[in-house]
């Protein structure tokens, strides 16, 4: 994958991580190639995707990124995380 050999200023995941079985690995990989990351994810009360909870998403995020902004839209069950890579 040639795109993993490049460096990026910002990587954006909008409503994607729930579809990826190895979403934690994806975060690790992109922490190596992206300086900043923005994640937006709808997490329903009973998740059907691979991300089981907002708490688990946040834990995996903090393993790879310094948290700059954490927005939780409770009514809409949306989590938005913005951070800087710990590995870039």
PDB file of N, CA and C in Angstrom:
ATOM      1  N   UNK A   1       0.826  -1.179   0.000  1.00  0.00           N
ATOM      2  CA  UNK A   1       0.000   0.000   0.000  1.00  0.00           C
ATOM      3  C   UNK A   1       0.873   1.247   0.000  1.00  0.00           C
ATOM      4  N   UNK A   2       0.988   1.832  -1.148  1.00  0.00           N
ATOM      5  CA  UNK A   2       1.867   2.985  -1.328  1.00  0.00           C
ATOM      6  C   UNK A   2       1.459   4.177  -0.470  1.00  0.00           C
ATOM      7  N   UNK A   3       0.152   4.359  -0.235  1.00  0.00           N
ATOM      8  CA  UNK A   3      -0.277   5.529   0.525  1.00  0.00           C
ATOM      9  C   UNK A   3       0.205   5.481   1.975  1.00  0.00           C
ATOM     10  N   UNK A   4       0.575   4.304   2.475  1.00  0.00           N
ATOM     11  CA  UNK A   4       1.086   4.204   3.840  1.00  0.00           C
ATOM     12  C   UNK A   4       2.554   4.594   3.944  1.00  0.00           C
ATOM     13  N   UNK A   5       3.206   4.806   2.817  1.00  0.00           N
ATOM     14  CA  UNK A   5       4.606   5.224   2.823  1.00  0.00           C
ATOM     15  C   UNK A   5       4.742   6.745   2.802  1.00  0.00           C
ATOM     16  N   UNK A   6       3.629   7.436   2.620  1.00  0.00           N
ATOM     17  CA  UNK A   6       3.630   8.895   2.610  1.00  0.00           C
ATOM     18  C   UNK A   6       3.286   9.413   4.002  1.00  0.00           C
ATOM     19  N   UNK A   7       3.465  10.719   4.211  1.00  0.00           N
ATOM     20  CA  UNK A   7       3.117  11.371   5.474  1.00  0.00           C
ATOM     21  C   UNK A   7       1.986  12.364   5.181  1.00  0.00           C
ATOM     22  N   UNK A   8       1.052  12.451   6.113  1.00  0.00           N
ATOM     23  CA  UNK A   8      -0.120  13.298   5.916  1.00  0.00           C
ATOM     24  C   UNK A   8      -0.283  14.258   7.089  1.00  0.00           C
ATOM     25  N   UNK A   9      -0.752  15.468   6.793  1.00  0.00           N
ATOM     26  CA  UNK A   9      -1.005  16.451   7.842  1.00  0.00           C
ATOM     27  C   UNK A   9      -2.241  16.069   8.650  1.00  0.00           C
ATOM     28  N   UNK A  10      -3.285  15.612   7.965  1.00  0.00           N
ATOM     29  CA  UNK A  10      -4.554  15.320   8.618  1.00  0.00           C
ATOM     30  C   UNK A  10      -5.218  14.111   7.971  1.00  0.00           C
ATOM     31  N   UNK A  11      -5.682  13.202   8.815  1.00  0.00           N
ATOM     32  CA  UNK A  11      -6.447  12.045   8.360  1.00  0.00           C
ATOM     33  C   UNK A  11      -7.837  12.172   8.970  1.00  0.00           C
ATOM     34  N   UNK A  12      -8.865  11.970   8.142  1.00  0.00           N
ATOM     35  CA  UNK A  12     -10.245  12.119   8.593  1.00  0.00           C
ATOM     36  C   UNK A  12     -10.989  10.799   8.414  1.00  0.00           C
ATOM     37  N   UNK A  13     -11.624  10.358   9.488  1.00  0.00           N
ATOM     38  CA  UNK A  13     -12.492   9.172   9.466  1.00  0.00           C
ATOM     39  C   UNK A  13     -13.899   9.653   9.821  1.00  0.00           C
ATOM     40  N   UNK A  14     -14.779   9.692   8.856  1.00  0.00           N
ATOM     41  CA  UNK A  14     -16.162  10.108   9.095  1.00  0.00           C
ATOM     42  C   UNK A  14     -17.065   8.892   8.908  1.00  0.00           C
ATOM     43  N   UNK A  15     -17.603   8.403  10.002  1.00  0.00           N
ATOM     44  CA  UNK A  15     -18.558   7.294   9.979  1.00  0.00           C
ATOM     45  C   UNK A  15     -17.987   6.043   9.324  1.00  0.00           C
ATOM     46  N   UNK A  16     -16.724   5.753   9.577  1.00  0.00           N
ATOM     47  CA  UNK A  16     -16.059   4.636   8.908  1.00  0.00           C
ATOM     48  C   UNK A  16     -15.626   3.520   9.858  1.00  0.00           C
ATOM     49  N   UNK A  17     -15.127   3.856  11.023  1.00  0.00           N
ATOM     50  CA  UNK A  17     -14.487   2.857  11.880  1.00  0.00           C
ATOM     51  C   UNK A  17     -15.393   1.688  12.255  1.00  0.00           C
ATOM     52  N   UNK A  18     -16.680   1.911  12.393  1.00  0.00           N
ATOM     53  CA  UNK A  18     -17.596   0.825  12.763  1.00  0.00           C
ATOM     54  C   UNK A  18     -17.636  -0.300  11.731  1.00  0.00           C
ATOM     55  N   UNK A  19     -17.204  -0.015  10.514  1.00  0.00           N
ATOM     56  CA  UNK A  19     -17.227  -1.000   9.430  1.00  0.00           C
ATOM     57  C   UNK A  19     -15.924  -1.804   9.328  1.00  0.00           C
ATOM     58  N   UNK A  20     -14.937  -1.451  10.135  1.00  0.00           N
ATOM     59  CA  UNK A  20     -13.623  -2.083  10.034  1.00  0.00           C
ATOM     60  C   UNK A  20     -13.391  -3.036  11.206  1.00  0.00           C
ATOM     61  N   UNK A  21     -13.302  -4.347  10.944  1.00  0.00           N
ATOM     62  CA  UNK A  21     -13.105  -5.311  12.038  1.00  0.00           C
ATOM     63  C   UNK A  21     -11.856  -5.021  12.872  1.00  0.00           C
ATOM     64  N   UNK A  22     -10.800  -4.565  12.245  1.00  0.00           N
ATOM     65  CA  UNK A  22      -9.540  -4.292  12.954  1.00  0.00           C
ATOM     66  C   UNK A  22      -9.338  -2.784  13.115  1.00  0.00           C
ATOM     67  N   UNK A  23     -10.363  -2.099  13.580  1.00  0.00           N
ATOM     68  CA  UNK A  23     -10.333  -0.644  13.663  1.00  0.00           C
ATOM     69  C   UNK A  23      -9.238  -0.135  14.595  1.00  0.00           C
ATOM     70  N   UNK A  24      -8.910  -0.882  15.647  1.00  0.00           N
ATOM     71  CA  UNK A  24      -7.835  -0.448  16.541  1.00  0.00           C
ATOM     72  C   UNK A  24      -6.482  -0.477  15.828  1.00  0.00           C
ATOM     73  N   UNK A  25      -6.267  -1.488  15.015  1.00  0.00           N
ATOM     74  CA  UNK A  25      -5.035  -1.587  14.224  1.00  0.00           C
ATOM     75  C   UNK A  25      -4.963  -0.440  13.219  1.00  0.00           C
ATOM     76  N   UNK A  26      -6.092  -0.096  12.636  1.00  0.00           N
ATOM     77  CA  UNK A  26      -6.140   1.025  11.685  1.00  0.00           C
ATOM     78  C   UNK A  26      -5.692   2.314  12.375  1.00  0.00           C
ATOM     79  N   UNK A  27      -6.150   2.535  13.594  1.00  0.00           N
ATOM     80  CA  UNK A  27      -5.718   3.737  14.335  1.00  0.00           C
ATOM     81  C   UNK A  27      -4.212   3.721  14.576  1.00  0.00           C
ATOM     82  N   UNK A  28      -3.666   2.572  14.927  1.00  0.00           N
ATOM     83  CA  UNK A  28      -2.217   2.454  15.150  1.00  0.00           C
ATOM     84  C   UNK A  28      -1.443   2.778  13.879  1.00  0.00           C
ATOM     85  N   UNK A  29      -1.873   2.209  12.770  1.00  0.00           N
ATOM     86  CA  UNK A  29      -1.184   2.425  11.486  1.00  0.00           C
ATOM     87  C   UNK A  29      -1.223   3.902  11.105  1.00  0.00           C
ATOM     88  N   UNK A  30      -2.389   4.522  11.221  1.00  0.00           N
ATOM     89  CA  UNK A  30      -2.503   5.910  10.801  1.00  0.00           C
ATOM     90  C   UNK A  30      -1.836   6.879  11.769  1.00  0.00           C
ATOM     91  N   UNK A  31      -1.587   6.458  12.988  1.00  0.00           N
ATOM     92  CA  UNK A  31      -0.817   7.299  13.909  1.00  0.00           C
ATOM     93  C   UNK A  31       0.623   7.434  13.441  1.00  0.00           C
ATOM     94  N   UNK A  32       1.094   6.483  12.651  1.00  0.00           N
ATOM     95  CA  UNK A  32       2.454   6.530  12.125  1.00  0.00           C
ATOM     96  C   UNK A  32       2.591   7.390  10.878  1.00  0.00           C
ATOM     97  N   UNK A  33       1.490   7.630  10.174  1.00  0.00           N
ATOM     98  CA  UNK A  33       1.590   8.366   8.908  1.00  0.00           C
ATOM     99  C   UNK A  33       0.880   9.716   8.919  1.00  0.00           C
ATOM    100  N   UNK A  34       0.054   9.962   9.941  1.00  0.00           N
ATOM    101  CA  UNK A  34      -0.679  11.227   9.993  1.00  0.00           C
ATOM    102  C   UNK A  34      -0.351  12.020  11.230  1.00  0.00           C
ATOM    103  N   UNK A  35      -0.113  13.311  11.057  1.00  0.00           N
ATOM    104  CA  UNK A  35       0.211  14.165  12.200  1.00  0.00           C
ATOM    105  C   UNK A  35      -1.031  14.422  13.068  1.00  0.00           C
ATOM    106  N   UNK A  36      -2.179  14.642  12.422  1.00  0.00           N
ATOM    107  CA  UNK A  36      -3.425  14.892  13.135  1.00  0.00           C
ATOM    108  C   UNK A  36      -4.499  13.945  12.615  1.00  0.00           C
ATOM    109  N   UNK A  37      -5.510  13.698  13.464  1.00  0.00           N
ATOM    110  CA  UNK A  37      -6.621  12.840  13.066  1.00  0.00           C
ATOM    111  C   UNK A  37      -7.929  13.444  13.561  1.00  0.00           C
ATOM    112  N   UNK A  38      -8.961  13.290  12.750  1.00  0.00           N
ATOM    113  CA  UNK A  38     -10.308  13.708  13.116  1.00  0.00           C
ATOM    114  C   UNK A  38     -11.226  12.512  12.893  1.00  0.00           C
ATOM    115  N   UNK A  39     -11.935  12.123  13.945  1.00  0.00           N
ATOM    116  CA  UNK A  39     -12.850  10.991  13.864  1.00  0.00           C
ATOM    117  C   UNK A  39     -14.241  11.473  14.238  1.00  0.00           C
ATOM    118  N   UNK A  40     -15.209  11.148  13.414  1.00  0.00           N
ATOM    119  CA  UNK A  40     -16.604  11.394  13.723  1.00  0.00           C
ATOM    120  C   UNK A  40     -17.308  10.051  13.602  1.00  0.00           C
ATOM    121  N   UNK A  41     -18.045   9.674  14.654  1.00  0.00           N
ATOM    122  CA  UNK A  41     -18.680   8.359  14.625  1.00  0.00           C
ATOM    123  C   UNK A  41     -19.977   8.363  15.420  1.00  0.00           C
ATOM    124  N   UNK A  42     -21.024   7.870  14.785  1.00  0.00           N
ATOM    125  CA  UNK A  42     -22.304   7.638  15.444  1.00  0.00           C
ATOM    126  C   UNK A  42     -22.217   6.281  16.125  1.00  0.00           C
ATOM    127  N   UNK A  43     -22.456   6.261  17.437  1.00  0.00           N
ATOM    128  CA  UNK A  43     -22.428   5.006  18.174  1.00  0.00           C
ATOM    129  C   UNK A  43     -23.798   4.833  18.840  1.00  0.00           C
ATOM    130  N   UNK A  44     -24.635   3.966  18.268  1.00  0.00           N
ATOM    131  CA  UNK A  44     -25.976   3.794  18.822  1.00  0.00           C
ATOM    132  C   UNK A  44     -25.950   3.125  20.197  1.00  0.00           C
ATOM    133  N   UNK A  45     -27.089   3.139  20.851  1.00  0.00           N
ATOM    134  CA  UNK A  45     -27.195   2.550  22.184  1.00  0.00           C
ATOM    135  C   UNK A  45     -26.785   1.073  22.183  1.00  0.00           C
ATOM    136  N   UNK A  46     -27.180   0.352  21.173  1.00  0.00           N
ATOM    137  CA  UNK A  46     -26.804  -1.059  21.004  1.00  0.00           C
ATOM    138  C   UNK A  46     -26.032  -1.189  19.696  1.00  0.00           C
ATOM    139  N   UNK A  47     -24.733  -0.906  19.719  1.00  0.00           N
ATOM    140  CA  UNK A  47     -23.938  -0.877  18.483  1.00  0.00           C
ATOM    141  C   UNK A  47     -23.993  -2.194  17.711  1.00  0.00           C
ATOM    142  N   UNK A  48     -24.101  -2.062  16.392  1.00  0.00           N
ATOM    143  CA  UNK A  48     -24.074  -3.241  15.534  1.00  0.00           C
ATOM    144  C   UNK A  48     -22.757  -3.330  14.769  1.00  0.00           C
ATOM    145  N   UNK A  49     -21.951  -2.281  14.845  1.00  0.00           N
ATOM    146  CA  UNK A  49     -20.662  -2.268  14.158  1.00  0.00           C
ATOM    147  C   UNK A  49     -19.561  -2.816  15.053  1.00  0.00           C
ATOM    148  N   UNK A  50     -18.338  -2.624  14.621  1.00  0.00           N
ATOM    149  CA  UNK A  50     -17.187  -3.173  15.336  1.00  0.00           C
ATOM    150  C   UNK A  50     -16.720  -2.317  16.513  1.00  0.00           C
ATOM    151  N   UNK A  51     -17.074  -1.055  16.548  1.00  0.00           N
ATOM    152  CA  UNK A  51     -16.720  -0.193  17.680  1.00  0.00           C
ATOM    153  C   UNK A  51     -17.837  -0.353  18.723  1.00  0.00           C
ATOM    154  N   UNK A  52     -17.547  -0.994  19.858  1.00  0.00           N
ATOM    155  CA  UNK A  52     -18.604  -1.351  20.797  1.00  0.00           C
ATOM    156  C   UNK A  52     -19.116  -0.217  21.693  1.00  0.00           C
ATOM    157  N   UNK A  53     -18.294   0.830  21.892  1.00  0.00           N
ATOM    158  CA  UNK A  53     -18.727   1.911  22.780  1.00  0.00           C
ATOM    159  C   UNK A  53     -17.846   3.142  22.586  1.00  0.00           C
ATOM    160  N   UNK A  54     -18.373   4.264  23.044  1.00  0.00           N
ATOM    161  CA  UNK A  54     -17.618   5.516  23.006  1.00  0.00           C
ATOM    162  C   UNK A  54     -16.370   5.395  23.882  1.00  0.00           C
ATOM    163  N   UNK A  55     -16.509   4.708  25.011  1.00  0.00           N
ATOM    164  CA  UNK A  55     -15.389   4.550  25.938  1.00  0.00           C
ATOM    165  C   UNK A  55     -14.244   3.750  25.303  1.00  0.00           C
ATOM    166  N   UNK A  56     -14.586   2.687  24.615  1.00  0.00           N
ATOM    167  CA  UNK A  56     -13.532   1.882  23.985  1.00  0.00           C
ATOM    168  C   UNK A  56     -12.868   2.642  22.833  1.00  0.00           C
ATOM    169  N   UNK A  57     -13.653   3.387  22.079  1.00  0.00           N
ATOM    170  CA  UNK A  57     -13.086   4.219  21.015  1.00  0.00           C
ATOM    171  C   UNK A  57     -12.115   5.233  21.620  1.00  0.00           C
ATOM    172  N   UNK A  58     -12.508   5.879  22.692  1.00  0.00           N
ATOM    173  CA  UNK A  58     -11.658   6.887  23.329  1.00  0.00           C
ATOM    174  C   UNK A  58     -10.372   6.259  23.867  1.00  0.00           C
ATOM    175  N   UNK A  59     -10.468   5.092  24.493  1.00  0.00           N
ATOM    176  CA  UNK A  59      -9.266   4.406  25.008  1.00  0.00           C
ATOM    177  C   UNK A  59      -8.282   4.098  23.879  1.00  0.00           C
ATOM    178  N   UNK A  60      -8.791   3.555  22.779  1.00  0.00           N
ATOM    179  CA  UNK A  60      -7.921   3.231  21.639  1.00  0.00           C
ATOM    180  C   UNK A  60      -7.324   4.503  21.045  1.00  0.00           C
ATOM    181  N   UNK A  61      -8.116   5.557  20.994  1.00  0.00           N
ATOM    182  CA  UNK A  61      -7.648   6.845  20.483  1.00  0.00           C
ATOM    183  C   UNK A  61      -6.482   7.353  21.326  1.00  0.00           C
ATOM    184  N   UNK A  62      -6.645   7.324  22.646  1.00  0.00           N
ATOM    185  CA  UNK A  62      -5.616   7.858  23.550  1.00  0.00           C
ATOM    186  C   UNK A  62      -4.342   7.033  23.564  1.00  0.00           C
ATOM    187  N   UNK A  63      -4.413   5.802  23.118  1.00  0.00           N
ATOM    188  CA  UNK A  63      -3.217   4.965  22.990  1.00  0.00           C
ATOM    189  C   UNK A  63      -2.319   5.469  21.863  1.00  0.00           C
ATOM    190  N   UNK A  64      -2.928   6.107  20.868  1.00  0.00           N
ATOM    191  CA  UNK A  64      -2.205   6.513  19.671  1.00  0.00           C
ATOM    192  C   UNK A  64      -2.114   8.018  19.451  1.00  0.00           C
ATOM    193  N   UNK A  65      -2.975   8.774  20.106  1.00  0.00           N
ATOM    194  CA  UNK A  65      -3.068  10.212  19.836  1.00  0.00           C
ATOM    195  C   UNK A  65      -3.213  11.019  21.124  1.00  0.00           C
ATOM    196  N   UNK A  66      -2.664  12.212  21.096  1.00  0.00           N
ATOM    197  CA  UNK A  66      -2.895  13.182  22.168  1.00  0.00           C
ATOM    198  C   UNK A  66      -4.231  13.849  21.873  1.00  0.00           C
ATOM    199  N   UNK A  67      -5.124  13.837  22.823  1.00  0.00           N
ATOM    200  CA  UNK A  67      -6.455  14.395  22.623  1.00  0.00           C
ATOM    201  C   UNK A  67      -6.399  15.917  22.629  1.00  0.00           C
ATOM    202  N   UNK A  68      -6.885  16.519  21.561  1.00  0.00           N
ATOM    203  CA  UNK A  68      -6.971  17.980  21.475  1.00  0.00           C
ATOM    204  C   UNK A  68      -8.401  18.424  21.730  1.00  0.00           C
ATOM    205  N   UNK A  69      -9.346  17.680  21.167  1.00  0.00           N
ATOM    206  CA  UNK A  69     -10.761  18.027  21.347  1.00  0.00           C
ATOM    207  C   UNK A  69     -11.608  16.771  21.377  1.00  0.00           C
ATOM    208  N   UNK A  70     -12.545  16.734  22.315  1.00  0.00           N
ATOM    209  CA  UNK A  70     -13.475  15.611  22.471  1.00  0.00           C
ATOM    210  C   UNK A  70     -14.873  16.196  22.547  1.00  0.00           C
ATOM    211  N   UNK A  71     -15.669  15.941  21.534  1.00  0.00           N
ATOM    212  CA  UNK A  71     -17.032  16.464  21.483  1.00  0.00           C
ATOM    213  C   UNK A  71     -17.986  15.275  21.516  1.00  0.00           C
ATOM    214  N   UNK A  72     -18.913  15.309  22.453  1.00  0.00           N
ATOM    215  CA  UNK A  72     -19.900  14.236  22.564  1.00  0.00           C
ATOM    216  C   UNK A  72     -21.275  14.862  22.427  1.00  0.00           C
ATOM    217  N   UNK A  73     -21.932  14.578  21.315  1.00  0.00           N
ATOM    218  CA  UNK A  73     -23.282  15.079  21.095  1.00  0.00           C
ATOM    219  C   UNK A  73     -24.250  14.018  21.613  1.00  0.00           C
ATOM    220  N   UNK A  74     -24.645  14.154  22.863  1.00  0.00           N
ATOM    221  CA  UNK A  74     -25.414  13.130  23.565  1.00  0.00           C
ATOM    222  C   UNK A  74     -26.723  12.820  22.845  1.00  0.00           C
ATOM    223  N   UNK A  75     -27.468  13.827  22.500  1.00  0.00           N
ATOM    224  CA  UNK A  75     -28.778  13.644  21.857  1.00  0.00           C
ATOM    225  C   UNK A  75     -28.661  12.860  20.551  1.00  0.00           C
ATOM    226  N   UNK A  76     -27.596  13.098  19.818  1.00  0.00           N
ATOM    227  CA  UNK A  76     -27.411  12.459  18.514  1.00  0.00           C
ATOM    228  C   UNK A  76     -26.485  11.245  18.570  1.00  0.00           C
ATOM    229  N   UNK A  77     -25.959  10.942  19.780  1.00  0.00           N
ATOM    230  CA  UNK A  77     -25.074   9.795  20.000  1.00  0.00           C
ATOM    231  C   UNK A  77     -23.852   9.828  19.068  1.00  0.00           C
ATOM    232  N   UNK A  78     -23.334  11.012  18.843  1.00  0.00           N
ATOM    233  CA  UNK A  78     -22.182  11.192  17.962  1.00  0.00           C
ATOM    234  C   UNK A  78     -20.969  11.581  18.794  1.00  0.00           C
ATOM    235  N   UNK A  79     -19.856  10.960  18.463  1.00  0.00           N
ATOM    236  CA  UNK A  79     -18.580  11.268  19.100  1.00  0.00           C
ATOM    237  C   UNK A  79     -17.658  11.863  18.043  1.00  0.00           C
ATOM    238  N   UNK A  80     -17.017  12.960  18.398  1.00  0.00           N
ATOM    239  CA  UNK A  80     -16.036  13.592  17.515  1.00  0.00           C
ATOM    240  C   UNK A  80     -14.749  13.735  18.320  1.00  0.00           C
ATOM    241  N   UNK A  81     -13.689  13.155  17.792  1.00  0.00           N
ATOM    242  CA  UNK A  81     -12.383  13.220  18.454  1.00  0.00           C
ATOM    243  C   UNK A  81     -11.372  13.837  17.497  1.00  0.00           C
ATOM    244  N   UNK A  82     -10.582  14.754  18.012  1.00  0.00           N
ATOM    245  CA  UNK A  82      -9.508  15.385  17.231  1.00  0.00           C
ATOM    246  C   UNK A  82      -8.245  15.280  18.054  1.00  0.00           C
ATOM    247  N   UNK A  83      -7.180  14.833  17.418  1.00  0.00           N
ATOM    248  CA  UNK A  83      -5.948  14.681  18.162  1.00  0.00           C
ATOM    249  C   UNK A  83      -4.697  14.728  17.313  1.00  0.00           C
ATOM    250  N   UNK A  84      -3.582  14.707  18.022  1.00  0.00           N
ATOM    251  CA  UNK A  84      -2.255  14.733  17.395  1.00  0.00           C
ATOM    252  C   UNK A  84      -1.567  13.409  17.672  1.00  0.00           C
ATOM    253  N   UNK A  85      -0.949  12.859  16.650  1.00  0.00           N
ATOM    254  CA  UNK A  85      -0.299  11.561  16.763  1.00  0.00           C
ATOM    255  C   UNK A  85       0.802  11.563  17.796  1.00  0.00           C
ATOM    256  N   UNK A  86       0.905  10.472  18.538  1.00  0.00           N
ATOM    257  CA  UNK A  86       2.002  10.283  19.481  1.00  0.00           C
ATOM    258  C   UNK A  86       3.220   9.653  18.796  1.00  0.00           C
ATOM    259  N   UNK A  87       3.072   9.261  17.525  1.00  0.00           N
ATOM    260  CA  UNK A  87       4.130   8.531  16.818  1.00  0.00           C
ATOM    261  C   UNK A  87       4.662   9.228  15.560  1.00  0.00           C
ATOM    262  N   UNK A  88       4.024  10.278  15.148  1.00  0.00           N
ATOM    263  CA  UNK A  88       4.377  10.924  13.876  1.00  0.00           C
ATOM    264  C   UNK A  88       5.749  11.535  13.956  1.00  0.00           C
TER     265      UNK A  88
END
